[in-house]
N, C-alpha and C. Protein backbone atom coordinates (compact mmCIF):
# COMPACT_ATOMS: atom_id res chain seq x y z
N MET A 1 -25.38 -7.02 266.25
CA MET A 1 -24.06 -7.54 266.73
C MET A 1 -24.02 -7.22 268.29
N THR A 2 -23.42 -8.41 268.64
CA THR A 2 -23.25 -8.11 270.20
C THR A 2 -21.74 -7.59 270.48
N LEU A 3 -21.74 -6.69 271.58
CA LEU A 3 -20.42 -6.23 271.96
C LEU A 3 -20.51 -6.32 273.51
N VAL A 4 -19.33 -6.60 274.22
CA VAL A 4 -19.24 -6.55 275.53
C VAL A 4 -18.20 -5.44 275.71
N ARG A 5 -18.64 -4.61 276.59
CA ARG A 5 -17.92 -3.25 277.23
C ARG A 5 -18.14 -3.04 278.72
N GLN A 6 -17.35 -2.26 279.20
CA GLN A 6 -17.34 -2.12 280.75
C GLN A 6 -18.66 -1.13 281.05
N PHE A 7 -19.34 -1.48 281.72
CA PHE A 7 -20.53 -0.73 282.33
C PHE A 7 -20.22 0.88 282.57
N SER A 8 -21.13 1.54 282.04
CA SER A 8 -21.32 3.09 282.18
C SER A 8 -22.35 3.36 283.00
N PRO A 9 -22.19 4.53 283.84
CA PRO A 9 -23.50 5.10 284.65
C PRO A 9 -24.60 5.22 283.91
N THR A 10 -24.50 5.42 282.65
CA THR A 10 -25.81 5.78 281.76
C THR A 10 -26.57 4.44 281.29
N ASP A 11 -25.78 3.41 281.73
CA ASP A 11 -26.39 2.09 281.50
C ASP A 11 -27.47 1.53 282.58
N ILE A 12 -27.25 2.43 283.68
CA ILE A 12 -28.25 2.02 284.75
C ILE A 12 -29.79 1.71 284.45
N PRO A 13 -30.53 2.56 283.69
CA PRO A 13 -31.95 1.95 283.52
C PRO A 13 -31.90 0.87 282.81
N GLN A 14 -31.22 0.59 281.66
CA GLN A 14 -31.04 -0.91 281.07
C GLN A 14 -30.58 -1.95 281.95
N VAL A 15 -29.60 -1.71 282.63
CA VAL A 15 -29.20 -2.67 283.51
C VAL A 15 -30.35 -3.05 284.69
N ALA A 16 -30.90 -2.09 285.19
CA ALA A 16 -32.03 -2.20 286.01
C ALA A 16 -33.03 -2.96 285.49
N GLU A 17 -33.58 -2.79 284.16
CA GLU A 17 -34.36 -3.61 283.55
C GLU A 17 -34.03 -5.09 283.37
N VAL A 18 -32.92 -5.40 283.11
CA VAL A 18 -32.44 -6.81 282.81
C VAL A 18 -32.64 -7.39 284.24
N VAL A 19 -32.15 -6.70 285.30
CA VAL A 19 -32.10 -7.32 286.60
C VAL A 19 -33.66 -7.64 286.97
N ASN A 20 -34.60 -6.64 286.71
CA ASN A 20 -35.98 -6.69 287.04
C ASN A 20 -36.53 -7.94 286.21
N GLN A 21 -36.40 -8.05 284.83
CA GLN A 21 -36.89 -9.08 283.97
C GLN A 21 -36.31 -10.53 284.44
N SER A 22 -34.95 -10.48 284.52
CA SER A 22 -34.31 -11.66 284.80
C SER A 22 -34.14 -12.14 286.37
N LEU A 23 -34.12 -11.39 287.23
CA LEU A 23 -33.95 -11.69 288.67
C LEU A 23 -35.03 -11.46 289.33
N GLY A 24 -36.07 -10.63 288.83
CA GLY A 24 -37.07 -10.31 289.58
C GLY A 24 -36.78 -9.22 290.79
N GLU A 25 -35.77 -8.74 290.84
CA GLU A 25 -35.50 -7.71 291.70
C GLU A 25 -35.35 -6.33 291.26
N ASN A 26 -35.63 -5.22 292.19
CA ASN A 26 -35.51 -3.96 291.94
C ASN A 26 -34.56 -3.17 292.85
N TYR A 27 -33.44 -3.07 292.42
CA TYR A 27 -32.54 -2.28 293.25
C TYR A 27 -32.21 -0.84 293.13
N PRO A 28 -31.83 -0.26 294.06
CA PRO A 28 -31.77 1.32 293.81
C PRO A 28 -30.42 1.63 292.93
N PRO A 29 -30.58 2.52 292.16
CA PRO A 29 -29.57 2.82 291.15
C PRO A 29 -28.13 3.15 291.90
N SER A 30 -28.26 3.63 293.25
CA SER A 30 -26.87 3.62 293.84
C SER A 30 -26.11 2.35 293.91
N LEU A 31 -26.81 1.17 294.00
CA LEU A 31 -26.11 -0.04 294.07
C LEU A 31 -25.15 -0.33 292.80
N TYR A 32 -25.81 -0.03 291.78
CA TYR A 32 -24.96 -0.19 290.34
C TYR A 32 -23.64 0.78 290.34
N LEU A 33 -23.79 1.89 290.85
CA LEU A 33 -22.72 2.74 290.91
C LEU A 33 -21.73 2.49 291.98
N THR A 34 -21.97 1.85 293.23
CA THR A 34 -21.15 1.46 294.21
C THR A 34 -20.31 0.26 293.42
N VAL A 35 -21.08 -0.70 292.90
CA VAL A 35 -20.45 -1.85 292.28
C VAL A 35 -19.34 -1.32 291.37
N HIS A 36 -19.71 -0.42 290.50
CA HIS A 36 -18.91 0.04 289.37
C HIS A 36 -17.65 0.77 289.96
N ASN A 37 -17.91 1.49 291.01
CA ASN A 37 -16.66 2.26 291.77
C ASN A 37 -15.95 1.33 292.39
N LEU A 38 -16.35 0.07 292.84
CA LEU A 38 -15.36 -0.86 293.28
C LEU A 38 -14.40 -1.43 292.55
N TRP A 39 -14.84 -1.63 291.38
CA TRP A 39 -14.18 -2.30 290.29
C TRP A 39 -14.70 -2.27 289.02
N GLY A 40 -14.53 -1.14 288.26
CA GLY A 40 -15.11 -0.84 286.93
C GLY A 40 -14.87 -1.94 285.95
N GLU A 41 -13.55 -2.46 285.95
CA GLU A 41 -13.32 -3.62 284.98
C GLU A 41 -14.15 -4.98 285.24
N GLY A 42 -14.69 -5.09 286.45
CA GLY A 42 -15.49 -6.35 286.88
C GLY A 42 -16.96 -6.09 286.57
N PHE A 43 -17.43 -5.04 286.02
CA PHE A 43 -18.86 -4.82 285.73
C PHE A 43 -18.94 -4.48 284.06
N LEU A 44 -19.27 -5.71 283.64
CA LEU A 44 -19.38 -5.62 282.21
C LEU A 44 -20.61 -5.93 281.66
N VAL A 45 -21.08 -5.29 280.48
CA VAL A 45 -22.45 -5.43 279.87
C VAL A 45 -22.19 -6.07 278.38
N ILE A 46 -23.19 -6.61 278.07
CA ILE A 46 -23.31 -7.16 276.63
C ILE A 46 -24.46 -6.45 275.98
N THR A 47 -24.25 -5.93 274.82
CA THR A 47 -25.32 -5.00 274.03
C THR A 47 -25.35 -5.81 272.71
N ASP A 48 -26.74 -5.44 272.08
CA ASP A 48 -27.05 -5.79 270.95
C ASP A 48 -27.60 -4.56 270.31
N ASP A 49 -27.04 -3.97 269.24
CA ASP A 49 -27.48 -2.89 268.78
C ASP A 49 -27.60 -1.75 269.79
N ARG A 50 -26.36 -1.51 270.60
CA ARG A 50 -26.49 -0.73 271.73
C ARG A 50 -27.50 -0.80 272.83
N GLN A 51 -28.43 -1.79 272.93
CA GLN A 51 -29.36 -2.07 273.96
C GLN A 51 -28.58 -3.27 275.04
N VAL A 52 -28.65 -2.86 276.19
CA VAL A 52 -27.95 -3.84 277.17
C VAL A 52 -29.09 -5.11 277.21
N ILE A 53 -28.50 -6.02 276.88
CA ILE A 53 -29.29 -7.43 277.01
C ILE A 53 -28.69 -8.40 278.03
N GLY A 54 -27.57 -7.98 278.73
CA GLY A 54 -27.01 -8.88 279.74
C GLY A 54 -25.90 -8.16 280.52
N PHE A 55 -25.47 -8.67 281.71
CA PHE A 55 -24.42 -8.23 282.25
C PHE A 55 -23.72 -9.04 283.41
N VAL A 56 -22.47 -8.75 283.73
CA VAL A 56 -22.02 -9.56 285.00
C VAL A 56 -21.40 -8.60 285.66
N ALA A 57 -21.61 -8.55 286.96
CA ALA A 57 -21.12 -7.61 287.90
C ALA A 57 -20.26 -8.31 289.12
N ALA A 58 -18.86 -8.04 289.33
CA ALA A 58 -18.09 -8.59 290.14
C ALA A 58 -17.51 -7.57 291.00
N VAL A 59 -16.99 -7.88 292.19
CA VAL A 59 -16.23 -7.08 293.02
C VAL A 59 -15.02 -7.89 293.68
N PRO A 60 -14.00 -6.93 294.09
CA PRO A 60 -12.81 -7.79 294.69
C PRO A 60 -13.46 -8.42 296.00
N ALA A 61 -12.93 -9.47 296.65
CA ALA A 61 -13.50 -10.07 297.72
C ALA A 61 -12.32 -10.52 298.58
N GLY A 62 -11.21 -10.00 298.42
CA GLY A 62 -9.89 -10.69 298.96
C GLY A 62 -8.92 -10.05 298.21
N GLN A 63 -7.57 -10.34 298.46
CA GLN A 63 -6.47 -9.99 297.78
C GLN A 63 -6.30 -10.60 296.42
N LYS A 64 -6.77 -12.04 296.47
CA LYS A 64 -6.67 -12.62 294.95
C LYS A 64 -7.91 -13.34 294.56
N VAL A 65 -9.07 -12.83 295.27
CA VAL A 65 -10.44 -13.42 295.08
C VAL A 65 -11.29 -12.15 294.57
N ALA A 66 -12.18 -12.75 293.72
CA ALA A 66 -13.38 -11.93 292.98
C ALA A 66 -14.65 -12.48 293.44
N ARG A 67 -15.62 -11.71 293.70
CA ARG A 67 -16.92 -12.32 293.87
C ARG A 67 -17.85 -11.76 292.74
N VAL A 68 -18.58 -12.68 292.26
CA VAL A 68 -19.71 -12.42 291.10
C VAL A 68 -20.95 -12.16 292.07
N LEU A 69 -21.37 -10.87 291.91
CA LEU A 69 -22.57 -10.46 292.62
C LEU A 69 -24.07 -10.76 291.82
N MET A 70 -23.76 -10.53 290.47
CA MET A 70 -25.02 -10.97 289.65
C MET A 70 -24.49 -11.24 288.16
N LEU A 71 -25.02 -12.20 287.37
CA LEU A 71 -25.15 -12.41 286.12
C LEU A 71 -26.55 -12.58 285.62
N ALA A 72 -26.80 -11.79 284.54
CA ALA A 72 -28.19 -11.76 284.08
C ALA A 72 -28.13 -11.51 282.74
N VAL A 73 -29.08 -12.23 281.84
CA VAL A 73 -29.26 -11.91 280.51
C VAL A 73 -30.90 -11.97 280.42
N LEU A 74 -31.31 -10.88 279.37
CA LEU A 74 -32.69 -10.96 279.31
C LEU A 74 -33.41 -12.22 278.79
N PRO A 75 -34.45 -12.53 279.35
CA PRO A 75 -35.28 -14.01 278.86
C PRO A 75 -35.15 -14.31 277.46
N GLU A 76 -35.43 -13.22 276.82
CA GLU A 76 -35.47 -13.28 275.12
C GLU A 76 -34.18 -13.50 274.46
N SER A 77 -33.20 -13.19 275.28
CA SER A 77 -31.87 -13.32 274.62
C SER A 77 -31.04 -14.53 275.20
N ARG A 78 -31.82 -15.47 275.92
CA ARG A 78 -30.98 -16.49 276.38
C ARG A 78 -30.65 -17.69 275.35
N ARG A 79 -29.96 -18.57 275.74
CA ARG A 79 -29.56 -19.64 274.84
C ARG A 79 -28.90 -19.17 273.54
N ARG A 80 -28.09 -18.05 273.91
CA ARG A 80 -27.11 -17.62 272.66
C ARG A 80 -25.64 -17.63 273.15
N SER A 81 -25.44 -18.31 274.22
CA SER A 81 -24.05 -18.36 274.99
C SER A 81 -23.59 -17.06 275.46
N LEU A 82 -24.67 -16.01 275.69
CA LEU A 82 -24.14 -14.63 276.08
C LEU A 82 -23.59 -14.65 277.50
N GLY A 83 -24.05 -15.69 278.41
CA GLY A 83 -23.46 -15.65 279.64
C GLY A 83 -22.13 -16.38 279.65
N LYS A 84 -21.71 -17.11 278.86
CA LYS A 84 -20.64 -17.81 278.64
C LYS A 84 -19.46 -16.66 278.02
N VAL A 85 -19.99 -15.80 277.28
CA VAL A 85 -19.17 -14.71 276.69
C VAL A 85 -18.71 -13.72 277.62
N LEU A 86 -19.81 -13.59 278.59
CA LEU A 86 -19.65 -12.50 279.68
C LEU A 86 -18.64 -13.03 280.67
N MET A 87 -18.69 -14.21 281.05
CA MET A 87 -17.74 -14.86 282.17
C MET A 87 -16.51 -14.96 281.36
N ALA A 88 -16.26 -15.35 280.22
CA ALA A 88 -14.88 -15.37 279.49
C ALA A 88 -14.21 -13.91 279.66
N GLU A 89 -14.89 -12.95 279.36
CA GLU A 89 -14.48 -11.52 279.47
C GLU A 89 -14.13 -11.21 280.96
N LEU A 90 -15.01 -11.66 281.77
CA LEU A 90 -14.63 -11.59 283.37
C LEU A 90 -13.53 -12.13 283.82
N TYR A 91 -13.21 -13.37 283.48
CA TYR A 91 -12.03 -14.17 283.66
C TYR A 91 -10.65 -13.29 283.26
N ALA A 92 -10.97 -12.66 282.08
CA ALA A 92 -9.77 -12.12 281.35
C ALA A 92 -9.49 -10.76 282.38
N SER A 93 -10.52 -10.27 282.88
CA SER A 93 -10.34 -8.89 283.74
C SER A 93 -9.79 -9.53 285.17
N CYS A 94 -10.30 -10.67 285.63
CA CYS A 94 -9.76 -11.21 286.93
C CYS A 94 -8.31 -11.49 286.83
N ARG A 95 -8.00 -12.19 285.84
CA ARG A 95 -6.56 -12.46 285.57
C ARG A 95 -5.63 -11.12 285.51
N ALA A 96 -6.13 -10.24 284.82
CA ALA A 96 -5.55 -9.04 284.57
C ALA A 96 -5.30 -8.03 286.03
N LYS A 97 -6.35 -8.37 286.86
CA LYS A 97 -6.20 -7.80 288.15
C LYS A 97 -5.32 -8.62 289.12
N GLY A 98 -4.96 -9.89 288.86
CA GLY A 98 -4.34 -10.65 289.62
C GLY A 98 -5.05 -11.39 290.72
N PHE A 99 -6.36 -11.67 290.25
CA PHE A 99 -7.25 -12.70 291.14
C PHE A 99 -6.96 -14.09 290.45
N ASP A 100 -6.98 -15.09 291.51
CA ASP A 100 -6.67 -16.37 290.94
C ASP A 100 -8.02 -17.25 291.57
N THR A 101 -9.08 -16.76 292.05
CA THR A 101 -10.19 -17.29 292.37
C THR A 101 -11.38 -16.57 292.21
N ILE A 102 -12.52 -17.00 291.80
CA ILE A 102 -13.89 -16.43 291.67
C ILE A 102 -14.72 -17.22 292.49
N VAL A 103 -15.46 -16.44 293.24
CA VAL A 103 -16.73 -17.09 294.10
C VAL A 103 -17.98 -16.55 293.92
N LEU A 104 -19.17 -16.92 294.11
CA LEU A 104 -20.33 -16.59 293.96
C LEU A 104 -21.33 -17.25 294.63
N GLU A 105 -22.54 -16.91 294.91
CA GLU A 105 -23.65 -17.55 295.55
C GLU A 105 -24.75 -17.92 294.61
N VAL A 106 -25.56 -18.92 294.69
CA VAL A 106 -26.59 -19.13 293.55
C VAL A 106 -27.72 -19.91 294.31
N ARG A 107 -28.94 -19.47 293.97
CA ARG A 107 -30.09 -20.23 294.58
C ARG A 107 -30.04 -21.59 294.52
N LYS A 108 -30.37 -22.57 295.68
CA LYS A 108 -30.22 -23.82 295.56
C LYS A 108 -31.37 -24.35 294.46
N SER A 109 -32.32 -23.65 294.48
CA SER A 109 -33.36 -24.01 293.45
C SER A 109 -33.23 -23.61 292.16
N ASN A 110 -32.17 -23.09 291.80
CA ASN A 110 -31.93 -22.53 290.34
C ASN A 110 -31.05 -23.43 289.58
N LYS A 111 -31.65 -24.69 289.37
CA LYS A 111 -30.86 -25.87 288.52
C LYS A 111 -30.05 -25.38 287.55
N SER A 112 -30.64 -24.59 286.53
CA SER A 112 -30.17 -24.22 285.32
C SER A 112 -29.01 -23.29 285.50
N ALA A 113 -29.02 -22.30 286.53
CA ALA A 113 -27.81 -21.66 286.89
C ALA A 113 -26.54 -22.43 287.47
N ILE A 114 -27.11 -23.42 288.32
CA ILE A 114 -25.84 -24.20 288.80
C ILE A 114 -25.29 -24.95 287.65
N GLY A 115 -26.13 -25.57 286.81
CA GLY A 115 -25.51 -26.60 285.63
C GLY A 115 -24.48 -25.41 285.02
N PHE A 116 -25.04 -24.19 284.51
CA PHE A 116 -24.16 -23.32 283.99
C PHE A 116 -22.94 -22.85 284.53
N TYR A 117 -23.01 -22.79 285.78
CA TYR A 117 -21.80 -22.49 286.65
C TYR A 117 -20.78 -23.57 286.70
N GLU A 118 -21.32 -24.84 286.83
CA GLU A 118 -20.58 -26.26 286.71
C GLU A 118 -19.92 -26.57 285.45
N ARG A 119 -20.57 -25.95 284.44
CA ARG A 119 -20.06 -26.36 283.17
C ARG A 119 -18.82 -25.21 282.79
N GLN A 120 -18.98 -23.95 283.62
CA GLN A 120 -18.00 -23.17 283.60
C GLN A 120 -16.80 -23.28 284.39
N GLY A 121 -16.73 -24.48 285.03
CA GLY A 121 -15.47 -24.83 285.94
C GLY A 121 -15.92 -24.35 287.39
N PHE A 122 -17.00 -24.16 287.75
CA PHE A 122 -17.39 -23.72 289.28
C PHE A 122 -17.48 -25.07 290.06
N ALA A 123 -17.35 -25.41 291.34
CA ALA A 123 -17.78 -26.38 292.16
C ALA A 123 -18.54 -25.62 293.40
N ILE A 124 -19.26 -26.61 294.06
CA ILE A 124 -20.08 -26.19 295.35
C ILE A 124 -19.04 -26.13 296.30
N SER A 125 -18.92 -25.07 296.87
CA SER A 125 -17.99 -25.13 298.19
C SER A 125 -18.48 -24.97 299.46
N GLY A 126 -19.88 -24.76 299.53
CA GLY A 126 -20.54 -24.76 300.80
C GLY A 126 -22.10 -24.26 300.56
N GLU A 127 -22.61 -24.18 301.57
CA GLU A 127 -24.03 -23.54 301.60
C GLU A 127 -24.33 -22.42 302.60
N ILE A 128 -25.15 -21.58 302.28
CA ILE A 128 -25.61 -20.47 303.29
C ILE A 128 -27.10 -20.52 303.54
N LYS A 129 -27.54 -20.76 304.80
CA LYS A 129 -28.96 -20.71 305.13
C LYS A 129 -29.52 -19.18 305.10
N ASN A 130 -30.79 -19.23 304.74
CA ASN A 130 -31.53 -17.87 304.49
C ASN A 130 -30.70 -16.76 303.90
N PHE A 131 -30.17 -16.96 302.93
CA PHE A 131 -29.22 -16.00 302.06
C PHE A 131 -30.38 -15.07 301.41
N TYR A 132 -31.26 -15.41 300.93
CA TYR A 132 -32.07 -14.56 300.10
C TYR A 132 -33.10 -14.01 300.95
N SER A 133 -33.64 -12.86 300.37
CA SER A 133 -34.74 -12.11 301.26
C SER A 133 -35.89 -12.94 301.73
N ASN A 134 -36.26 -13.95 300.85
CA ASN A 134 -37.43 -14.87 301.01
C ASN A 134 -37.06 -16.09 301.89
N GLY A 135 -35.83 -16.06 302.41
CA GLY A 135 -35.32 -17.25 303.40
C GLY A 135 -34.73 -18.36 302.78
N GLU A 136 -34.52 -18.21 301.23
CA GLU A 136 -34.10 -19.32 300.43
C GLU A 136 -32.70 -19.39 300.91
N GLU A 137 -32.20 -20.74 300.49
CA GLU A 137 -30.77 -20.95 300.67
C GLU A 137 -29.95 -20.97 299.55
N ALA A 138 -28.77 -20.76 299.51
CA ALA A 138 -27.99 -20.54 298.45
C ALA A 138 -26.73 -21.65 298.58
N TRP A 139 -26.34 -22.14 297.40
CA TRP A 139 -24.89 -22.60 297.33
C TRP A 139 -23.75 -21.65 297.09
N LYS A 140 -22.82 -21.84 297.61
CA LYS A 140 -21.52 -21.07 297.54
C LYS A 140 -20.70 -21.92 296.35
N MET A 141 -20.14 -21.13 295.46
CA MET A 141 -19.36 -21.79 294.15
C MET A 141 -18.33 -21.23 294.26
N MET A 142 -17.22 -22.00 293.69
CA MET A 142 -15.80 -21.43 293.52
C MET A 142 -15.18 -22.05 292.19
N LYS A 143 -14.18 -21.14 291.68
CA LYS A 143 -13.43 -21.59 290.38
C LYS A 143 -12.18 -20.99 290.68
N SER A 144 -11.23 -21.76 290.28
CA SER A 144 -9.86 -21.48 290.38
C SER A 144 -9.46 -21.03 288.97
N LEU A 145 -8.71 -19.99 288.78
CA LEU A 145 -8.23 -19.43 287.52
C LEU A 145 -6.96 -19.80 287.30
N GLN A 146 -6.16 -20.57 288.25
CA GLN A 146 -4.87 -21.05 288.00
C GLN A 146 -4.85 -22.14 286.90
N ASN A 147 -4.04 -22.15 286.00
CA ASN A 147 -4.04 -23.10 285.08
C ASN A 147 -3.42 -24.38 285.50
């Protein structure tokens, strides 16, 4: 059974593994603590039998704006609408905090992620050259939480 809850520092090893398997990145543990300390309600994990299988991490990016830093689900757990569940919980956290807009960046080459975000109501709002460490460009995407 899956459960969405706030990130806890004890989740760091499992979240790091999700990041490694899903995003191919290896961030220092301090990054996760920093994100958690900036806005704990914006760092959510989804578990299956107490094992972290995905997460979303967002931070305040302005008075009424939240920025999604990462959304990742283990490859073997994809196609179960877990990303959609995580984002729905994040929208609720954002509204409770008074945010009316969510922004994020996504690799231009990541067509499946772009499609996912578009289905979630995000629209491309710009581009960023050399955004990723390998020089790849990103799309800036934005979603209004106002009804």
